[in-house]
């Protein structure tokens, strides 16, 4: 007899339910890795798209947009709360980096 490692999906018909089921499969203790992976892909793709600007501006804007998109993803899909924490950390790091670079030349 074969025992299944994961529960079989039941009533998974909408896109949000499919994402929630996949996120539950990748749960490693602090939340699913699918949401965290989506956030990191968004962050790095935004960072690469804005390479024409200064590094601190690019990083701060990428962090801000990633945090907004991450919070919207958390509200729309039942991802774990770790996405919100990662987005807030990204946003604070982006603000601190922008502040440090803007005040570096002052006395």
N, C-alpha and C. Protein backbone atom coordinates (compact mmCIF):
# COMPACT_ATOMS: atom_id res chain seq x y z
N UNK A 1 0.83 -1.18 0.00
CA UNK A 1 0.00 0.00 0.00
C UNK A 1 0.88 1.25 0.00
N UNK A 2 0.51 2.21 -0.79
CA UNK A 2 1.27 3.45 -0.91
C UNK A 2 0.61 4.51 -0.04
N UNK A 3 1.41 5.15 0.82
CA UNK A 3 0.92 6.27 1.62
C UNK A 3 1.34 7.56 0.95
N UNK A 4 0.40 8.48 0.83
CA UNK A 4 0.70 9.77 0.22
C UNK A 4 1.37 10.67 1.25
N UNK A 5 2.38 11.39 0.81
CA UNK A 5 3.08 12.31 1.70
C UNK A 5 2.23 13.55 1.95
N UNK A 6 1.58 14.03 0.91
CA UNK A 6 0.75 15.23 1.01
C UNK A 6 -0.71 14.84 0.84
N UNK A 7 -1.59 15.64 1.41
CA UNK A 7 -3.02 15.42 1.24
C UNK A 7 -3.40 15.70 -0.21
N UNK A 8 -4.32 14.93 -0.71
CA UNK A 8 -4.81 15.16 -2.06
C UNK A 8 -5.68 16.42 -2.07
N UNK A 9 -5.62 17.20 -3.14
CA UNK A 9 -6.43 18.41 -3.17
C UNK A 9 -7.92 18.09 -3.27
N UNK A 10 -8.70 18.85 -2.56
CA UNK A 10 -10.15 18.68 -2.63
C UNK A 10 -10.77 20.04 -2.93
N UNK A 11 -11.58 20.09 -3.96
CA UNK A 11 -12.28 21.29 -4.38
C UNK A 11 -11.30 22.42 -4.70
N UNK A 12 -10.32 22.13 -5.51
CA UNK A 12 -9.37 23.14 -5.96
C UNK A 12 -9.75 23.52 -7.38
N UNK A 13 -10.57 24.56 -7.52
CA UNK A 13 -11.07 24.93 -8.83
C UNK A 13 -10.60 26.32 -9.26
N UNK A 14 -10.48 27.26 -8.35
CA UNK A 14 -10.08 28.61 -8.73
C UNK A 14 -8.57 28.75 -8.68
N UNK A 15 -8.09 29.81 -9.29
CA UNK A 15 -6.65 30.08 -9.32
C UNK A 15 -6.10 30.32 -7.91
N UNK A 16 -6.86 31.05 -7.09
CA UNK A 16 -6.42 31.32 -5.73
C UNK A 16 -6.33 30.04 -4.91
N UNK A 17 -7.26 29.11 -5.11
CA UNK A 17 -7.20 27.84 -4.39
C UNK A 17 -6.01 26.99 -4.84
N UNK A 18 -5.68 27.05 -6.13
CA UNK A 18 -4.52 26.31 -6.63
C UNK A 18 -3.23 26.87 -6.04
N UNK A 19 -3.11 28.19 -6.02
CA UNK A 19 -1.92 28.82 -5.45
C UNK A 19 -1.82 28.49 -3.96
N UNK A 20 -2.95 28.53 -3.27
CA UNK A 20 -2.95 28.20 -1.84
C UNK A 20 -2.54 26.75 -1.60
N UNK A 21 -2.99 25.84 -2.44
CA UNK A 21 -2.62 24.43 -2.29
C UNK A 21 -1.13 24.22 -2.53
N UNK A 22 -0.60 24.84 -3.59
CA UNK A 22 0.83 24.72 -3.88
C UNK A 22 1.66 25.35 -2.77
N UNK A 23 1.21 26.49 -2.26
CA UNK A 23 1.91 27.14 -1.16
C UNK A 23 1.91 26.26 0.09
N UNK A 24 0.83 25.55 0.32
CA UNK A 24 0.77 24.63 1.45
C UNK A 24 1.70 23.44 1.29
N UNK A 25 1.94 23.03 0.04
CA UNK A 25 2.86 21.91 -0.20
C UNK A 25 4.30 22.29 0.11
N UNK A 26 4.64 23.56 -0.07
CA UNK A 26 6.01 24.00 0.15
C UNK A 26 6.19 24.63 1.53
N UNK A 27 5.30 24.33 2.46
CA UNK A 27 5.39 24.89 3.81
C UNK A 27 6.59 24.28 4.53
N UNK A 28 7.49 25.14 5.00
CA UNK A 28 8.70 24.67 5.66
C UNK A 28 8.78 25.12 7.11
N UNK A 29 7.66 25.50 7.70
CA UNK A 29 7.65 25.88 9.10
C UNK A 29 7.33 27.35 9.32
N UNK A 30 7.80 28.23 8.46
CA UNK A 30 7.51 29.65 8.61
C UNK A 30 6.67 30.18 7.46
N UNK A 31 6.12 29.29 6.68
CA UNK A 31 5.27 29.69 5.57
C UNK A 31 5.72 29.03 4.29
N UNK A 32 4.88 29.12 3.29
CA UNK A 32 5.19 28.51 2.01
C UNK A 32 6.26 29.27 1.25
N UNK A 33 7.01 28.57 0.46
CA UNK A 33 8.11 29.17 -0.28
C UNK A 33 7.65 29.78 -1.61
N UNK A 34 6.46 29.45 -2.06
CA UNK A 34 5.97 30.00 -3.33
C UNK A 34 5.81 31.51 -3.24
N UNK A 35 5.18 31.99 -2.19
CA UNK A 35 4.99 33.43 -2.03
C UNK A 35 6.30 34.17 -1.88
N UNK A 36 7.21 33.60 -1.12
CA UNK A 36 8.52 34.23 -0.94
C UNK A 36 9.28 34.25 -2.26
N UNK A 37 9.17 33.17 -3.03
CA UNK A 37 9.82 33.13 -4.34
C UNK A 37 9.25 34.16 -5.29
N UNK A 38 7.93 34.34 -5.28
CA UNK A 38 7.29 35.34 -6.13
C UNK A 38 7.78 36.74 -5.77
N UNK A 39 7.88 37.02 -4.47
CA UNK A 39 8.34 38.32 -4.02
C UNK A 39 9.78 38.57 -4.45
N UNK A 40 10.64 37.58 -4.31
CA UNK A 40 12.03 37.75 -4.70
C UNK A 40 12.18 37.93 -6.21
N UNK A 41 11.39 37.22 -7.00
CA UNK A 41 11.43 37.40 -8.46
C UNK A 41 10.98 38.80 -8.84
N UNK A 42 9.93 39.30 -8.19
CA UNK A 42 9.45 40.66 -8.46
C UNK A 42 10.53 41.67 -8.10
N UNK A 43 11.17 41.49 -6.95
CA UNK A 43 12.20 42.43 -6.50
C UNK A 43 13.37 42.47 -7.47
N UNK A 44 13.90 41.31 -7.84
CA UNK A 44 15.07 41.29 -8.72
C UNK A 44 14.74 41.75 -10.13
N UNK A 45 13.55 41.46 -10.62
CA UNK A 45 13.19 41.94 -11.95
C UNK A 45 13.00 43.46 -11.97
N UNK A 46 12.41 44.01 -10.91
CA UNK A 46 12.31 45.47 -10.81
C UNK A 46 13.69 46.10 -10.70
N UNK A 47 14.56 45.47 -9.95
CA UNK A 47 15.91 45.99 -9.79
C UNK A 47 16.65 46.00 -11.12
N UNK A 48 16.47 44.98 -11.94
CA UNK A 48 17.14 44.92 -13.23
C UNK A 48 16.52 45.90 -14.23
N UNK A 49 15.22 46.14 -14.14
CA UNK A 49 14.57 47.06 -15.08
C UNK A 49 14.98 48.51 -14.84
N UNK A 50 15.34 48.85 -13.62
CA UNK A 50 15.66 50.24 -13.28
C UNK A 50 17.16 50.47 -13.12
N UNK A 51 17.98 49.69 -13.80
CA UNK A 51 19.43 49.83 -13.67
C UNK A 51 19.96 51.13 -14.27
N UNK A 52 19.15 51.86 -15.02
CA UNK A 52 19.61 53.12 -15.61
C UNK A 52 19.74 54.22 -14.56
N UNK A 53 19.08 54.06 -13.42
CA UNK A 53 19.13 55.07 -12.37
C UNK A 53 20.24 54.75 -11.38
N UNK A 54 20.44 55.64 -10.40
CA UNK A 54 21.45 55.41 -9.39
C UNK A 54 21.08 54.19 -8.55
N UNK A 55 22.06 53.57 -7.96
CA UNK A 55 21.86 52.32 -7.23
C UNK A 55 20.93 52.50 -6.04
N UNK A 56 21.12 53.57 -5.27
CA UNK A 56 20.27 53.75 -4.09
C UNK A 56 18.82 54.04 -4.47
N UNK A 57 18.62 54.79 -5.55
CA UNK A 57 17.26 55.06 -6.01
C UNK A 57 16.61 53.79 -6.53
N UNK A 58 17.36 53.02 -7.30
CA UNK A 58 16.85 51.76 -7.83
C UNK A 58 16.45 50.81 -6.72
N UNK A 59 17.31 50.69 -5.71
CA UNK A 59 17.03 49.78 -4.61
C UNK A 59 15.81 50.24 -3.81
N UNK A 60 15.72 51.54 -3.52
CA UNK A 60 14.60 52.05 -2.72
C UNK A 60 13.27 51.91 -3.46
N UNK A 61 13.25 52.22 -4.75
CA UNK A 61 12.01 52.11 -5.52
C UNK A 61 11.61 50.64 -5.68
N UNK A 62 12.59 49.77 -5.91
CA UNK A 62 12.29 48.34 -6.01
C UNK A 62 11.72 47.80 -4.71
N UNK A 63 12.28 48.23 -3.59
CA UNK A 63 11.77 47.79 -2.28
C UNK A 63 10.35 48.28 -2.05
N UNK A 64 10.09 49.54 -2.41
CA UNK A 64 8.75 50.10 -2.21
C UNK A 64 7.71 49.37 -3.05
N UNK A 65 7.99 49.19 -4.34
CA UNK A 65 7.04 48.53 -5.23
C UNK A 65 6.85 47.07 -4.82
N UNK A 66 7.93 46.42 -4.43
CA UNK A 66 7.83 45.03 -3.98
C UNK A 66 6.98 44.92 -2.73
N UNK A 67 7.13 45.86 -1.80
CA UNK A 67 6.32 45.80 -0.58
C UNK A 67 4.84 46.01 -0.89
N UNK A 68 4.51 46.91 -1.78
CA UNK A 68 3.11 47.14 -2.15
C UNK A 68 2.54 45.89 -2.83
N UNK A 69 3.27 45.32 -3.78
CA UNK A 69 2.78 44.12 -4.48
C UNK A 69 2.68 42.94 -3.52
N UNK A 70 3.64 42.82 -2.61
CA UNK A 70 3.61 41.72 -1.64
C UNK A 70 2.41 41.80 -0.70
N UNK A 71 2.10 42.99 -0.25
CA UNK A 71 0.94 43.16 0.62
C UNK A 71 -0.35 42.86 -0.15
N UNK A 72 -0.42 43.30 -1.41
CA UNK A 72 -1.59 42.98 -2.22
C UNK A 72 -1.72 41.47 -2.46
N UNK A 73 -0.59 40.80 -2.71
CA UNK A 73 -0.64 39.35 -2.88
C UNK A 73 -1.10 38.65 -1.60
N UNK A 74 -0.67 39.16 -0.47
CA UNK A 74 -1.09 38.55 0.81
C UNK A 74 -2.59 38.74 1.03
N UNK A 75 -3.11 39.89 0.62
CA UNK A 75 -4.54 40.15 0.79
C UNK A 75 -5.36 39.30 -0.18
N UNK A 76 -4.90 39.18 -1.43
CA UNK A 76 -5.68 38.47 -2.45
C UNK A 76 -5.58 36.96 -2.35
N UNK A 77 -4.39 36.44 -2.01
CA UNK A 77 -4.19 35.00 -1.95
C UNK A 77 -3.85 34.62 -0.51
N UNK A 78 -4.24 33.45 -0.09
CA UNK A 78 -3.96 33.04 1.29
C UNK A 78 -2.53 32.55 1.48
N UNK A 79 -1.56 33.42 1.18
CA UNK A 79 -0.17 33.11 1.46
C UNK A 79 0.07 33.25 2.96
N UNK A 80 1.24 32.85 3.39
CA UNK A 80 1.57 32.97 4.81
C UNK A 80 1.91 34.43 5.13
N UNK A 81 1.91 34.73 6.41
CA UNK A 81 2.20 36.09 6.86
C UNK A 81 3.66 36.46 6.71
N UNK A 82 4.52 35.50 6.43
CA UNK A 82 5.94 35.82 6.27
C UNK A 82 6.18 36.75 5.09
N UNK A 83 5.27 36.77 4.12
CA UNK A 83 5.40 37.68 2.98
C UNK A 83 5.31 39.13 3.46
N UNK A 84 4.39 39.41 4.35
CA UNK A 84 4.26 40.78 4.85
C UNK A 84 5.51 41.19 5.62
N UNK A 85 6.04 40.29 6.42
CA UNK A 85 7.26 40.61 7.18
C UNK A 85 8.44 40.86 6.25
N UNK A 86 8.59 40.05 5.23
CA UNK A 86 9.68 40.23 4.27
C UNK A 86 9.51 41.55 3.52
N UNK A 87 8.28 41.90 3.15
CA UNK A 87 8.04 43.15 2.44
C UNK A 87 8.33 44.36 3.32
N UNK A 88 7.96 44.29 4.57
CA UNK A 88 8.24 45.40 5.49
C UNK A 88 9.74 45.54 5.70
N UNK A 89 10.45 44.42 5.83
CA UNK A 89 11.90 44.47 5.98
C UNK A 89 12.55 45.05 4.73
N UNK A 90 12.08 44.63 3.53
CA UNK A 90 12.59 45.21 2.29
C UNK A 90 12.38 46.72 2.25
N UNK A 91 11.19 47.16 2.63
CA UNK A 91 10.87 48.58 2.58
C UNK A 91 11.74 49.38 3.55
N UNK A 92 11.92 48.90 4.77
CA UNK A 92 12.74 49.61 5.76
C UNK A 92 14.20 49.65 5.32
N UNK A 93 14.72 48.55 4.79
CA UNK A 93 16.10 48.53 4.32
C UNK A 93 16.27 49.51 3.16
N UNK A 94 15.30 49.56 2.26
CA UNK A 94 15.37 50.51 1.15
C UNK A 94 15.37 51.95 1.61
N UNK A 95 14.52 52.26 2.58
CA UNK A 95 14.50 53.63 3.12
C UNK A 95 15.80 53.98 3.83
N UNK A 96 16.31 53.06 4.63
CA UNK A 96 17.57 53.32 5.34
C UNK A 96 18.73 53.50 4.36
N UNK A 97 18.77 52.69 3.32
CA UNK A 97 19.83 52.80 2.32
C UNK A 97 19.74 54.12 1.58
N UNK A 98 18.54 54.55 1.23
CA UNK A 98 18.35 55.82 0.55
C UNK A 98 18.72 56.98 1.46
N UNK A 99 18.36 56.89 2.73
CA UNK A 99 18.70 57.95 3.69
C UNK A 99 20.21 58.03 3.90
N UNK A 100 20.85 56.86 3.99
CA UNK A 100 22.31 56.84 4.19
C UNK A 100 23.03 57.45 3.00
N UNK A 101 22.60 57.13 1.80
CA UNK A 101 23.26 57.66 0.61
C UNK A 101 22.99 59.14 0.42
N UNK A 102 21.82 59.62 0.85
CA UNK A 102 21.51 61.04 0.66
C UNK A 102 22.23 61.91 1.69
N UNK A 103 22.54 61.39 2.86
CA UNK A 103 23.21 62.19 3.90
C UNK A 103 24.69 61.91 3.99
N UNK A 104 25.25 61.16 3.07
CA UNK A 104 26.65 60.77 3.16
C UNK A 104 27.57 61.95 2.93
N UNK A 105 27.20 62.91 2.09
CA UNK A 105 28.06 64.03 1.80
C UNK A 105 27.94 65.17 2.78
N UNK A 106 26.96 65.13 3.69
CA UNK A 106 26.75 66.22 4.64
C UNK A 106 27.64 66.07 5.86
N UNK A 107 27.81 67.18 6.60
CA UNK A 107 28.59 67.14 7.83
C UNK A 107 27.70 67.01 9.03
